Amino acid sequence: KIFGQGLATSEGQKWAKIRKLANFALHGENLKGMIPEMVASVEMMLEKWKDCHEKELNVYEEFKILTSEIISRTAFGSSFQEGQQVFYMISRLVLLADRNMLSIRLPIISKVWRSRDEIEAERLEEGIVKSIMLMVKKREDNAKSSGEVADGYGRDYLGLLLKGYHDDEDETKKISMVELIDECKTLYLAGQETTNSLLSWMILLLSIHQDWQDAARKEVVDLFGHDRTPDVDGIARLKIISMIISETLRLYTPVFSGFARETHTETTIGKLVVPPGVQIHFPFMTMHHDPEIWGEDVDAFKPDRFVEGIANATNNNPAAFMPFGAGPHACVGFNFATYEAKVALAMILQRYSFRVSPGYVHAPSSVSMVRPENGVHVILTSL
């Protein structure tokens, strides 16, 4: 219902078409070109924080707006205000899905009776589709009025999807309107929810472990000073922050449930022979908290376990760490999310120190995604 035929759920040729578009949009020079928009979005958030010296702030709610703004600017050429209703409806749809994940539906009864959640979910789905269609029509109208229909859709993700939809020359690249809408839904959700949680857990962990907060700030200040905005070259040299991101993803993996892969041929896993057509589930959280891989201090926050890379951190078993999946179906937005997190954290560290608020209640919610049930409340101190 949420992802439909988007990249997260499609297979075969359908997946390959959309994956190729996403790879082009979210990697290489296109990704580097998004950094100014990321910086501008963080600047806008920090401008609101100017009056928050020694005040409590729920950064989870702040980052929800930030990540929504970044996705809106970079992928859809709009702003959070324009896409706010879509974000709200998708977030609400996810909440309903989480609440009913373990519900048992009886086919006969479901045809004549639907729960309130099912009725609301249907209305939300209709509202999301309508909002995305309005956004699509606006982009198409702009392209026609500019007289450059071939190249006027834009180079952002929405523009590339529209080019794929209107491509009459190559049927192998053409996508349907349903696929376009579902991919917009996928990016709105995946691009906002996962990075929001990552940033929130990072701020919490650095609020608790002030030594790592100080080390990360020193790295940022040495590279950018207190007021120069992060650039591509500098971001690539943020080694301590990269370690902090990896350790945060290990402890609070965004997608709690992991992922599943289906065997297409007879496959041997250790001593187990698996026939074709079997779904094999990879539980991220279990792997990331396995003491046989990570050591007896598996539950401790130790970013330096990644100082010599993932292979060394995992005792030469790099496949044991895959917060964004692995292989061809790995999350296409991994680099985007990492850049976003580095830019945001670096700019925050330049301006503020932070500590845990006395009123903070630790309550990770882990149905589909690991998010802070009560938010992340910290006290900010201006530097």
Protein backbone atom coordinates (compact mmCIF):
# COMPACT_ATOMS: atom_id res chain seq x y z
CA LYS A 1 0.00 0.00 0.00
CA ILE A 2 2.74 2.45 0.97
CA PHE A 3 5.43 1.65 -1.60
CA GLY A 4 3.23 0.15 -4.33
CA GLN A 5 5.40 -0.57 -7.36
CA GLY A 6 8.27 1.66 -6.20
CA LEU A 7 11.95 0.75 -6.12
CA ALA A 8 11.69 -0.79 -2.64
CA THR A 9 9.26 -3.51 -3.74
CA SER A 10 9.57 -3.99 -7.51
CA GLU A 11 11.54 -6.77 -9.21
CA GLY A 12 13.01 -7.68 -12.60
CA GLN A 13 12.83 -5.27 -15.54
CA LYS A 14 10.48 -2.96 -13.68
CA TRP A 15 13.05 -2.61 -10.87
CA ALA A 16 15.96 -2.22 -13.32
CA LYS A 17 14.32 0.74 -15.12
CA ILE A 18 13.64 2.69 -11.94
CA ARG A 19 16.96 1.74 -10.35
CA LYS A 20 18.85 3.15 -13.33
CA LEU A 21 17.01 6.47 -13.01
CA ALA A 22 17.62 6.58 -9.25
CA ASN A 23 21.32 5.75 -9.64
CA PHE A 24 21.73 8.65 -12.06
CA ALA A 25 19.77 11.08 -9.86
CA LEU A 26 21.35 10.24 -6.50
CA HIS A 27 25.02 9.58 -7.31
CA GLY A 28 28.09 11.23 -8.81
CA GLU A 29 27.95 14.81 -9.98
CA ASN A 30 24.19 15.01 -9.45
CA LEU A 31 24.67 14.17 -5.76
CA LYS A 32 27.51 16.67 -5.37
CA GLY A 33 25.30 19.30 -6.95
CA MET A 34 22.73 18.76 -4.18
CA ILE A 35 25.09 19.83 -1.39
CA PRO A 36 24.29 23.58 -1.70
CA GLU A 37 20.59 22.75 -1.26
CA MET A 38 21.42 20.61 1.79
CA VAL A 39 23.48 23.47 3.24
CA ALA A 40 20.70 26.00 2.59
CA SER A 41 18.15 23.74 4.31
CA VAL A 42 20.37 23.31 7.39
CA GLU A 43 21.01 27.08 7.48
CA MET A 44 17.26 27.66 7.54
CA MET A 45 16.88 25.26 10.49
CA LEU A 46 19.79 26.81 12.41
CA GLU A 47 18.34 30.27 11.88
CA LYS A 48 15.29 29.12 13.89
CA TRP A 49 17.62 27.82 16.62
CA LYS A 50 19.17 31.23 17.33
CA ASP A 51 16.82 31.81 20.26
CA CYS A 52 17.33 28.31 21.70
CA HIS A 53 20.44 28.96 23.81
CA GLU A 54 20.18 26.85 26.99
CA LYS A 55 16.69 25.76 26.00
CA GLU A 56 15.22 22.30 25.49
CA LEU A 57 14.69 21.24 21.89
CA ASN A 58 13.13 18.09 20.45
CA VAL A 59 15.57 17.51 17.60
CA TYR A 60 13.54 14.60 16.23
CA GLU A 61 10.77 17.02 15.23
CA GLU A 62 13.35 19.53 13.95
CA PHE A 63 15.05 16.93 11.78
CA LYS A 64 11.70 15.75 10.46
CA ILE A 65 11.23 19.19 8.91
CA LEU A 66 14.89 19.40 7.82
CA THR A 67 14.96 16.07 6.00
CA SER A 68 11.59 16.82 4.40
CA GLU A 69 12.92 20.18 3.21
CA ILE A 70 16.05 18.59 1.74
CA ILE A 71 14.09 15.90 -0.10
CA SER A 72 11.63 18.50 -1.39
CA ARG A 73 14.40 20.78 -2.67
CA THR A 74 16.75 18.19 -4.15
CA ALA A 75 14.37 15.57 -5.54
CA PHE A 76 11.19 17.48 -6.30
CA GLY A 77 12.32 21.07 -6.85
CA SER A 78 9.88 22.40 -4.26
CA SER A 79 9.92 23.22 -0.55
CA PHE A 80 8.72 21.56 2.64
CA GLN A 81 5.72 23.89 2.73
CA GLU A 82 4.62 22.72 -0.72
CA GLY A 83 5.09 19.04 0.10
CA GLN A 84 4.02 19.26 3.75
CA GLN A 85 0.64 17.61 3.21
CA VAL A 86 2.23 14.67 1.35
CA PHE A 87 4.75 14.13 4.16
CA TYR A 88 1.98 14.23 6.75
CA MET A 89 -0.21 11.76 4.86
CA ILE A 90 2.65 9.32 4.23
CA SER A 91 3.76 9.50 7.88
CA ARG A 92 0.19 8.83 8.97
CA LEU A 93 -0.06 5.90 6.55
CA VAL A 94 3.14 4.40 8.00
CA LEU A 95 1.72 4.78 11.52
CA LEU A 96 -1.43 2.91 10.51
CA ALA A 97 0.64 0.20 8.80
CA ASP A 98 2.79 -0.26 11.92
CA ARG A 99 -0.28 -0.43 14.13
CA ASN A 100 -1.86 -3.14 11.99
CA MET A 101 1.24 -5.06 10.97
CA LEU A 102 0.33 -8.11 13.04
CA SER A 103 -3.41 -7.95 12.38
CA ILE A 104 -5.02 -10.99 10.79
CA ARG A 105 -7.45 -10.24 7.96
CA LEU A 106 -10.13 -12.74 7.02
CA PRO A 107 -10.88 -12.44 3.28
CA ILE A 108 -14.64 -12.94 3.50
CA ILE A 109 -15.12 -10.51 6.40
CA SER A 110 -12.78 -7.93 4.81
CA LYS A 111 -15.09 -7.67 1.80
CA VAL A 112 -18.08 -6.57 3.88
CA TRP A 113 -16.43 -4.84 6.85
CA ARG A 114 -13.43 -2.56 7.11
CA SER A 115 -11.84 -1.13 10.23
CA ARG A 116 -11.47 2.61 10.83
CA ASP A 117 -7.75 2.31 10.11
CA GLU A 118 -8.44 0.65 6.75
CA ILE A 119 -10.92 3.37 5.78
CA GLU A 120 -8.48 6.11 6.82
CA ALA A 121 -5.61 4.40 4.98
CA GLU A 122 -7.66 4.35 1.77
CA ARG A 123 -8.44 8.06 2.10
CA LEU A 124 -4.78 8.84 2.77
CA GLU A 125 -3.71 6.83 -0.27
CA GLU A 126 -6.15 8.77 -2.46
CA GLY A 127 -4.90 12.07 -1.01
CA ILE A 128 -1.24 11.19 -1.60
CA VAL A 129 -1.89 10.23 -5.23
CA LYS A 130 -3.87 13.43 -5.82
CA SER A 131 -1.09 15.61 -4.33
CA ILE A 132 1.62 13.94 -6.40
CA MET A 133 -0.48 14.23 -9.56
CA LEU A 134 -0.85 17.99 -8.94
CA MET A 135 2.93 18.26 -8.55
CA VAL A 136 3.44 16.28 -11.78
CA LYS A 137 0.95 18.44 -13.72
CA LYS A 138 2.65 21.61 -12.49
CA ARG A 139 6.02 20.36 -13.75
CA GLU A 140 4.52 19.28 -17.10
CA ASP A 141 2.80 22.66 -17.55
CA ASN A 142 6.06 24.49 -16.78
CA ALA A 143 7.89 22.37 -19.36
CA LYS A 144 5.25 23.13 -22.03
CA SER A 145 5.19 26.86 -21.29
CA SER A 146 8.98 27.04 -21.54
CA GLY A 147 8.84 25.44 -24.98
CA GLU A 148 11.44 22.87 -23.96
CA VAL A 149 9.34 19.78 -23.35
CA ALA A 150 12.23 17.42 -24.10
CA ASP A 151 14.55 18.89 -21.48
CA GLY A 152 12.21 21.09 -19.50
CA TYR A 153 11.20 18.55 -16.86
CA GLY A 154 14.37 19.25 -14.87
CA ARG A 155 17.38 17.22 -13.75
CA ASP A 156 16.05 16.37 -10.30
CA TYR A 157 14.43 13.02 -9.51
CA LEU A 158 10.92 14.10 -10.46
CA GLY A 159 12.23 15.47 -13.76
CA LEU A 160 13.99 12.20 -14.58
CA LEU A 161 10.87 10.20 -13.71
CA LEU A 162 8.79 12.41 -15.98
CA LYS A 163 11.26 11.93 -18.82
CA GLY A 164 10.93 8.20 -18.29
CA TYR A 165 7.14 8.48 -18.39
CA HIS A 166 7.14 10.53 -21.61
CA ASP A 167 9.87 8.50 -23.33
CA ASP A 168 8.33 7.26 -26.59
CA GLU A 169 11.62 6.26 -28.20
CA ASP A 170 12.76 3.45 -25.93
CA GLU A 171 10.13 1.17 -24.39
CA THR A 172 12.77 -0.41 -22.12
CA LYS A 173 13.19 2.95 -20.34
CA LYS A 174 9.53 3.98 -20.28
CA ILE A 175 7.73 3.92 -16.93
CA SER A 176 4.00 4.09 -16.21
CA MET A 177 2.26 6.84 -14.24
CA VAL A 178 1.56 4.30 -11.47
CA GLU A 179 5.28 3.53 -11.24
CA LEU A 180 6.10 7.26 -11.21
CA ILE A 181 3.65 7.96 -8.38
CA ASP A 182 4.80 4.95 -6.35
CA GLU A 183 8.43 5.98 -6.71
CA CYS A 184 7.61 9.50 -5.49
CA LYS A 185 5.91 7.94 -2.45
CA THR A 186 8.93 5.72 -1.83
CA LEU A 187 11.36 8.63 -1.91
CA TYR A 188 9.17 10.87 0.25
CA LEU A 189 9.10 8.16 2.93
CA ALA A 190 12.56 6.59 2.68
CA GLY A 191 14.33 9.90 2.15
CA GLN A 192 12.75 11.52 5.18
CA GLU A 193 12.13 8.87 7.80
CA THR A 194 15.48 7.04 7.79
CA THR A 195 17.75 10.12 7.82
CA ASN A 196 15.57 11.82 10.41
CA SER A 197 16.05 8.86 12.76
CA LEU A 198 19.79 8.64 12.03
CA LEU A 199 20.36 12.32 12.85
CA SER A 200 18.25 12.11 16.01
CA TRP A 201 20.07 9.05 17.38
CA MET A 202 23.45 10.64 16.54
CA ILE A 203 22.60 13.77 18.51
CA LEU A 204 21.43 11.64 21.43
CA LEU A 205 24.58 9.50 21.47
CA LEU A 206 26.86 12.54 21.19
CA SER A 207 24.88 14.24 23.98
CA ILE A 208 25.66 11.25 26.20
CA HIS A 209 29.25 10.75 25.02
CA GLN A 210 30.65 14.26 25.23
CA ASP A 211 34.19 13.07 24.41
CA TRP A 212 33.05 11.97 20.96
CA GLN A 213 31.09 15.19 20.51
CA ASP A 214 34.27 17.16 21.26
CA ALA A 215 36.33 15.00 18.88
CA ALA A 216 33.79 15.42 16.07
CA ARG A 217 33.63 19.19 16.62
CA LYS A 218 37.42 19.49 16.52
CA GLU A 219 37.49 17.61 13.22
CA VAL A 220 34.83 19.93 11.76
CA VAL A 221 36.46 23.13 13.02
CA ASP A 222 39.89 22.03 11.79
CA LEU A 223 38.42 21.56 8.31
CA PHE A 224 35.86 24.37 8.06
CA GLY A 225 36.42 26.72 10.98
CA HIS A 226 33.34 27.94 12.83
CA ASP A 227 31.54 29.55 9.91
CA ARG A 228 32.66 28.08 6.56
CA THR A 229 30.01 25.77 5.15
CA PRO A 230 30.96 22.16 4.32
CA ASP A 231 32.09 21.44 0.76
CA VAL A 232 32.54 18.19 -1.18
CA ASP A 233 36.27 17.83 -0.50
CA GLY A 234 35.90 18.54 3.20
CA ILE A 235 32.95 16.18 3.62
CA ALA A 236 35.06 13.34 2.20
CA ARG A 237 37.66 13.97 4.94
CA LEU A 238 35.26 13.76 7.90
CA LYS A 239 36.63 10.46 9.19
CA ILE A 240 35.48 10.75 12.82
CA ILE A 241 31.96 11.73 11.77
CA SER A 242 31.92 8.79 9.32
CA MET A 243 32.78 6.47 12.22
CA ILE A 244 30.03 8.02 14.36
CA ILE A 245 27.50 7.55 11.55
CA SER A 246 28.47 3.88 11.14
CA GLU A 247 28.24 3.17 14.86
CA THR A 248 24.90 4.95 15.14
CA LEU A 249 23.54 2.92 12.23
CA ARG A 250 24.77 -0.25 13.92
CA LEU A 251 23.12 0.52 17.26
CA TYR A 252 19.93 2.05 15.83
CA THR A 253 19.53 0.53 12.38
CA PRO A 254 16.75 2.56 10.68
CA VAL A 255 14.95 -0.42 9.14
CA PHE A 256 14.34 -2.70 12.12
CA SER A 257 12.90 -5.66 10.24
CA GLY A 258 15.77 -6.11 7.79
CA PHE A 259 15.04 -7.44 4.33
CA ALA A 260 14.21 -10.67 2.55
CA ARG A 261 15.58 -12.29 -0.59
CA GLU A 262 14.06 -15.15 -2.56
CA THR A 263 16.19 -18.02 -3.85
CA HIS A 264 15.80 -18.62 -7.59
CA THR A 265 18.00 -21.73 -7.66
CA GLU A 266 19.04 -24.31 -5.08
CA THR A 267 21.33 -22.47 -2.67
CA THR A 268 23.69 -23.75 0.02
CA ILE A 269 24.08 -21.66 3.18
CA GLY A 270 26.60 -23.32 5.47
CA LYS A 271 25.30 -26.85 5.87
CA LEU A 272 21.77 -25.88 4.88
CA VAL A 273 20.52 -26.59 1.35
CA VAL A 274 17.71 -24.19 0.43
CA PRO A 275 15.42 -25.04 -2.52
CA PRO A 276 14.33 -22.36 -5.03
CA GLY A 277 11.36 -20.16 -4.15
CA VAL A 278 12.21 -19.73 -0.44
CA GLN A 279 12.21 -16.31 1.23
CA ILE A 280 15.32 -15.82 3.38
CA HIS A 281 15.09 -13.05 5.96
CA PHE A 282 18.12 -10.99 7.05
CA PRO A 283 17.40 -9.35 10.43
CA PHE A 284 19.64 -6.27 10.56
CA MET A 285 19.24 -5.59 14.26
CA THR A 286 20.19 -9.15 15.24
CA MET A 287 23.32 -9.09 13.10
CA HIS A 288 24.34 -5.65 14.32
CA HIS A 289 24.07 -6.73 17.96
CA ASP A 290 25.77 -10.13 17.70
CA PRO A 291 28.62 -10.38 20.26
CA GLU A 292 30.31 -13.09 18.18
CA ILE A 293 30.86 -10.49 15.47
CA TRP A 294 31.25 -7.26 17.43
CA GLY A 295 32.66 -8.46 20.75
CA GLU A 296 31.36 -8.42 24.30
CA ASP A 297 31.06 -4.61 24.17
CA VAL A 298 28.48 -4.96 21.38
CA ASP A 299 25.95 -2.69 23.14
CA ALA A 300 28.49 0.07 23.83
CA PHE A 301 28.82 3.20 21.69
CA LYS A 302 32.34 2.84 20.29
CA PRO A 303 32.78 4.61 16.93
CA ASP A 304 36.48 3.73 16.94
CA ARG A 305 35.56 0.11 16.19
CA PHE A 306 35.24 1.44 12.60
CA VAL A 307 38.60 3.26 12.57
CA GLU A 308 40.13 0.69 10.21
CA GLY A 309 37.02 0.13 8.14
CA ILE A 310 34.03 -2.19 8.14
CA ALA A 311 35.98 -5.39 7.46
CA ASN A 312 38.08 -4.93 10.58
CA ALA A 313 35.08 -3.84 12.67
CA THR A 314 33.17 -6.98 11.70
CA ASN A 315 36.03 -9.40 12.28
CA ASN A 316 36.49 -9.82 8.50
CA ASN A 317 32.79 -10.39 7.91
CA PRO A 318 31.70 -7.14 6.19
CA ALA A 319 28.32 -8.60 5.17
CA ALA A 320 27.42 -8.54 8.88
CA PHE A 321 27.05 -4.74 8.65
CA MET A 322 24.45 -3.59 6.16
CA PRO A 323 22.20 -0.87 7.58
CA PHE A 324 21.13 0.04 4.05
CA GLY A 325 21.03 -3.48 2.67
CA ALA A 326 23.56 -5.05 0.32
CA GLY A 327 24.04 -6.08 -3.28
CA PRO A 328 22.22 -4.65 -6.32
CA HIS A 329 19.08 -4.03 -4.23
CA ALA A 330 20.90 -2.03 -1.54
CA CYS A 331 19.31 1.33 -0.69
CA VAL A 332 19.95 3.62 -3.65
CA GLY A 333 19.90 6.66 -1.36
CA PHE A 334 22.72 5.48 0.94
CA ASN A 335 25.24 8.08 -0.28
CA PHE A 336 22.56 10.78 -0.30
CA ALA A 337 21.64 10.03 3.33
CA THR A 338 25.30 9.95 4.38
CA TYR A 339 26.08 13.30 2.75
CA GLU A 340 22.95 14.79 4.31
CA ALA A 341 23.87 13.53 7.80
CA LYS A 342 27.47 14.78 7.51
CA VAL A 343 26.43 18.24 6.33
CA ALA A 344 23.79 18.63 9.05
CA LEU A 345 25.94 17.34 11.92
CA ALA A 346 28.98 19.37 10.85
CA MET A 347 27.02 22.63 10.71
CA ILE A 348 25.35 21.95 14.08
CA LEU A 349 28.72 21.20 15.72
CA GLN A 350 30.13 24.48 14.41
CA ARG A 351 27.49 26.46 16.29
CA TYR A 352 26.27 24.41 19.26
CA SER A 353 27.15 21.95 21.95
CA PHE A 354 24.33 19.81 23.30
CA ARG A 355 23.50 17.61 26.27
CA VAL A 356 20.61 15.33 27.16
CA SER A 357 17.60 17.10 28.64
CA PRO A 358 16.59 15.94 32.15
CA GLY A 359 13.12 15.32 30.74
CA TYR A 360 14.27 12.92 28.01
CA VAL A 361 12.65 9.46 28.14
CA HIS A 362 14.44 6.76 26.14
CA ALA A 363 11.84 4.77 24.20
CA PRO A 364 12.96 3.41 20.82
CA SER A 365 9.97 2.25 18.80
CA SER A 366 10.82 -0.65 16.53
CA VAL A 367 7.97 -1.94 14.40
CA SER A 368 9.09 -1.17 10.85
CA MET A 369 11.62 1.59 11.54
CA VAL A 370 13.61 2.37 14.68
CA ARG A 371 12.47 5.81 15.75
CA PRO A 372 12.37 7.60 19.15
CA GLU A 373 8.81 7.20 20.41
CA ASN A 374 9.03 10.29 22.64
CA GLY A 375 11.42 12.29 20.47
CA VAL A 376 14.98 13.27 21.38
CA HIS A 377 15.08 16.19 23.82
CA VAL A 378 18.40 17.99 24.30
CA ILE A 379 19.63 21.27 25.76
CA LEU A 380 21.47 23.46 23.23
CA THR A 381 24.36 25.75 24.16
CA SER A 382 25.49 28.35 21.61
CA LEU A 383 29.23 28.45 20.95
